[in-house]
Amino acid sequence: MNSFSTDVVLRFLGRLRDAGRDFAYNQIATTNHAIPGRRGAQVLEEIPVDDGIYIVGAYNHRHIGHEAVLTVQGAKLLIYDLKEGNPISSAKRWINFYAFVRPFKVFK
């Protein structure tokens, strides 16, 4: 997985919005469910999230950033690798810090 910042994500989403894509840009840009100062993969279980899709920025123990997609269905939380498109079963072992957990709402 490649590293990137929240600013890069917001610029990309801004371009999608400007191109007429229909999603809740303001909610993505202003809502961050990550808990400041908390560390460890268990933090994800402490974040109050509704069912849906989230864009996640996380760091490992060597402070290397990673991006992923989080899906929430009830008590089931899965983190997906953006390149492979598969759930990452080892996410809890390597995630040390969640920089952001932002909702991705798409309109029909």
C-alpha atoms as a PDB file:
ATOM      1  CA  MET A   1       0.000   0.000   0.000  1.00  0.00           C
ATOM      2  CA  ASN A   2       1.156   3.524  -0.734  1.00  0.00           C
ATOM      3  CA  SER A   3       1.290   6.424   1.679  1.00  0.00           C
ATOM      4  CA  PHE A   4      -0.668   9.647   1.155  1.00  0.00           C
ATOM      5  CA  SER A   5      -2.092  12.500   3.186  1.00  0.00           C
ATOM      6  CA  THR A   6      -5.625  13.618   3.955  1.00  0.00           C
ATOM      7  CA  ASP A   7      -5.029  16.652   1.726  1.00  0.00           C
ATOM      8  CA  VAL A   8      -4.396  14.394  -1.266  1.00  0.00           C
ATOM      9  CA  VAL A   9      -7.634  12.495  -0.601  1.00  0.00           C
ATOM     10  CA  LEU A  10      -9.628  15.721  -0.294  1.00  0.00           C
ATOM     11  CA  ARG A  11      -8.131  17.131  -3.513  1.00  0.00           C
ATOM     12  CA  PHE A  12      -9.019  13.925  -5.347  1.00  0.00           C
ATOM     13  CA  LEU A  13     -12.564  13.969  -3.974  1.00  0.00           C
ATOM     14  CA  GLY A  14     -12.897  17.659  -4.821  1.00  0.00           C
ATOM     15  CA  ARG A  15     -12.039  16.866  -8.429  1.00  0.00           C
ATOM     16  CA  LEU A  16     -14.629  14.080  -8.472  1.00  0.00           C
ATOM     17  CA  ARG A  17     -17.224  16.504  -7.089  1.00  0.00           C
ATOM     18  CA  ASP A  18     -16.291  19.156  -9.648  1.00  0.00           C
ATOM     19  CA  ALA A  19     -16.691  16.548 -12.390  1.00  0.00           C
ATOM     20  CA  GLY A  20     -20.304  16.012 -11.295  1.00  0.00           C
ATOM     21  CA  ARG A  21     -19.941  12.873  -9.192  1.00  0.00           C
ATOM     22  CA  ASP A  22     -22.699  12.689  -6.599  1.00  0.00           C
ATOM     23  CA  PHE A  23     -21.370  12.068  -3.081  1.00  0.00           C
ATOM     24  CA  ALA A  24     -21.282  13.913   0.240  1.00  0.00           C
ATOM     25  CA  TYR A  25     -17.972  15.796  -0.092  1.00  0.00           C
ATOM     26  CA  ASN A  26     -18.549  18.066   2.924  1.00  0.00           C
ATOM     27  CA  GLN A  27     -19.200  15.101   5.200  1.00  0.00           C
ATOM     28  CA  ILE A  28     -15.987  13.425   4.054  1.00  0.00           C
ATOM     29  CA  ALA A  29     -13.985  16.645   4.401  1.00  0.00           C
ATOM     30  CA  THR A  30     -15.267  17.615   7.850  1.00  0.00           C
ATOM     31  CA  THR A  31     -16.025  14.318   9.630  1.00  0.00           C
ATOM     32  CA  ASN A  32     -13.126  12.367  11.120  1.00  0.00           C
ATOM     33  CA  HIS A  33     -14.048   9.515  13.469  1.00  0.00           C
ATOM     34  CA  ALA A  34     -10.445   8.806  14.506  1.00  0.00           C
ATOM     35  CA  ILE A  35      -9.779   9.346  18.215  1.00  0.00           C
ATOM     36  CA  PRO A  36      -6.887  11.826  18.704  1.00  0.00           C
ATOM     37  CA  GLY A  37      -4.017  10.529  20.799  1.00  0.00           C
ATOM     38  CA  ARG A  38      -5.233   6.927  20.914  1.00  0.00           C
ATOM     39  CA  ARG A  39      -2.956   4.210  19.570  1.00  0.00           C
ATOM     40  CA  GLY A  40      -3.405   0.584  18.664  1.00  0.00           C
ATOM     41  CA  ALA A  41      -5.623  -1.384  16.316  1.00  0.00           C
ATOM     42  CA  GLN A  42      -8.277  -1.799  19.032  1.00  0.00           C
ATOM     43  CA  VAL A  43      -9.128   1.897  18.601  1.00  0.00           C
ATOM     44  CA  LEU A  44     -11.189   0.949  15.550  1.00  0.00           C
ATOM     45  CA  GLU A  45     -13.581  -0.924  17.841  1.00  0.00           C
ATOM     46  CA  GLU A  46     -13.954   2.216  20.006  1.00  0.00           C
ATOM     47  CA  ILE A  47     -14.931   4.499  17.117  1.00  0.00           C
ATOM     48  CA  PRO A  48     -18.701   5.056  16.821  1.00  0.00           C
ATOM     49  CA  VAL A  49     -19.402   4.281  13.150  1.00  0.00           C
ATOM     50  CA  ASP A  50     -22.635   3.473  11.343  1.00  0.00           C
ATOM     51  CA  ASP A  51     -23.026   0.851   8.647  1.00  0.00           C
ATOM     52  CA  GLY A  52     -21.332   1.994   5.473  1.00  0.00           C
ATOM     53  CA  ILE A  53     -18.014   2.640   3.763  1.00  0.00           C
ATOM     54  CA  TYR A  54     -15.140   4.687   5.208  1.00  0.00           C
ATOM     55  CA  ILE A  55     -11.816   5.941   3.884  1.00  0.00           C
ATOM     56  CA  VAL A  56      -9.066   5.130   6.389  1.00  0.00           C
ATOM     57  CA  GLY A  57      -5.567   6.498   6.834  1.00  0.00           C
ATOM     58  CA  ALA A  58      -3.420   4.491   9.244  1.00  0.00           C
ATOM     59  CA  TYR A  59       0.213   4.191  10.296  1.00  0.00           C
ATOM     60  CA  ASN A  60       2.200   1.115  11.199  1.00  0.00           C
ATOM     61  CA  HIS A  61       4.759   0.841  14.016  1.00  0.00           C
ATOM     62  CA  ARG A  62       7.468   2.334  11.773  1.00  0.00           C
ATOM     63  CA  HIS A  63       5.245   5.383  11.098  1.00  0.00           C
ATOM     64  CA  ILE A  64       4.671   4.446   7.455  1.00  0.00           C
ATOM     65  CA  GLY A  65       1.261   5.593   6.276  1.00  0.00           C
ATOM     66  CA  HIS A  66      -1.249   3.373   4.503  1.00  0.00           C
ATOM     67  CA  GLU A  67      -4.644   3.971   2.968  1.00  0.00           C
ATOM     68  CA  ALA A  68      -7.490   1.494   3.035  1.00  0.00           C
ATOM     69  CA  VAL A  69     -11.240   1.163   2.847  1.00  0.00           C
ATOM     70  CA  LEU A  70     -13.263   0.143   5.893  1.00  0.00           C
ATOM     71  CA  THR A  71     -16.670  -1.469   5.500  1.00  0.00           C
ATOM     72  CA  VAL A  72     -19.041  -1.676   8.449  1.00  0.00           C
ATOM     73  CA  GLN A  73     -22.053  -4.002   8.577  1.00  0.00           C
ATOM     74  CA  GLY A  74     -23.351  -4.274  12.114  1.00  0.00           C
ATOM     75  CA  ALA A  75     -20.550  -5.606  14.308  1.00  0.00           C
ATOM     76  CA  LYS A  76     -18.529  -6.748  11.273  1.00  0.00           C
ATOM     77  CA  LEU A  77     -15.693  -4.356  10.374  1.00  0.00           C
ATOM     78  CA  LEU A  78     -13.437  -5.217   7.428  1.00  0.00           C
ATOM     79  CA  ILE A  79     -10.426  -3.267   6.168  1.00  0.00           C
ATOM     80  CA  TYR A  80      -9.663  -3.647   2.453  1.00  0.00           C
ATOM     81  CA  ASP A  81      -6.414  -3.106   0.591  1.00  0.00           C
ATOM     82  CA  LEU A  82      -7.007  -0.543  -2.160  1.00  0.00           C
ATOM     83  CA  LYS A  83      -4.710  -2.284  -4.660  1.00  0.00           C
ATOM     84  CA  GLU A  84      -5.824  -5.871  -4.172  1.00  0.00           C
ATOM     85  CA  GLY A  85      -9.454  -5.240  -3.247  1.00  0.00           C
ATOM     86  CA  ASN A  86      -9.335  -7.988  -0.636  1.00  0.00           C
ATOM     87  CA  PRO A  87      -9.897  -7.801   3.123  1.00  0.00           C
ATOM     88  CA  ILE A  88      -6.667  -7.434   5.117  1.00  0.00           C
ATOM     89  CA  SER A  89      -6.785 -10.118   7.787  1.00  0.00           C
ATOM     90  CA  SER A  90      -3.547  -8.874   9.379  1.00  0.00           C
ATOM     91  CA  ALA A  91      -4.657  -5.229   9.806  1.00  0.00           C
ATOM     92  CA  LYS A  92      -4.985  -5.479  13.581  1.00  0.00           C
ATOM     93  CA  ARG A  93      -1.395  -6.715  13.848  1.00  0.00           C
ATOM     94  CA  TRP A  94       0.261  -3.840  11.990  1.00  0.00           C
ATOM     95  CA  ILE A  95      -1.957  -0.784  12.539  1.00  0.00           C
ATOM     96  CA  ASN A  96      -0.573   1.406  15.301  1.00  0.00           C
ATOM     97  CA  PHE A  97      -2.464   4.655  14.731  1.00  0.00           C
ATOM     98  CA  TYR A  98      -5.557   5.774  12.784  1.00  0.00           C
ATOM     99  CA  ALA A  99      -4.960   9.240  11.322  1.00  0.00           C
ATOM    100  CA  PHE A 100      -8.446   9.467   9.867  1.00  0.00           C
ATOM    101  CA  VAL A 101     -11.617   7.428   9.437  1.00  0.00           C
ATOM    102  CA  ARG A 102     -13.903   9.375   7.107  1.00  0.00           C
ATOM    103  CA  PRO A 103     -17.373   8.352   5.871  1.00  0.00           C
ATOM    104  CA  PHE A 104     -17.832   7.898   2.126  1.00  0.00           C
ATOM    105  CA  LYS A 105     -21.472   8.553   1.225  1.00  0.00           C
ATOM    106  CA  VAL A 106     -22.569   8.122  -2.389  1.00  0.00           C
ATOM    107  CA  PHE A 107     -25.985   9.161  -3.651  1.00  0.00           C
ATOM    108  CA  LYS A 108     -27.979   7.151  -6.174  1.00  0.00           C
END
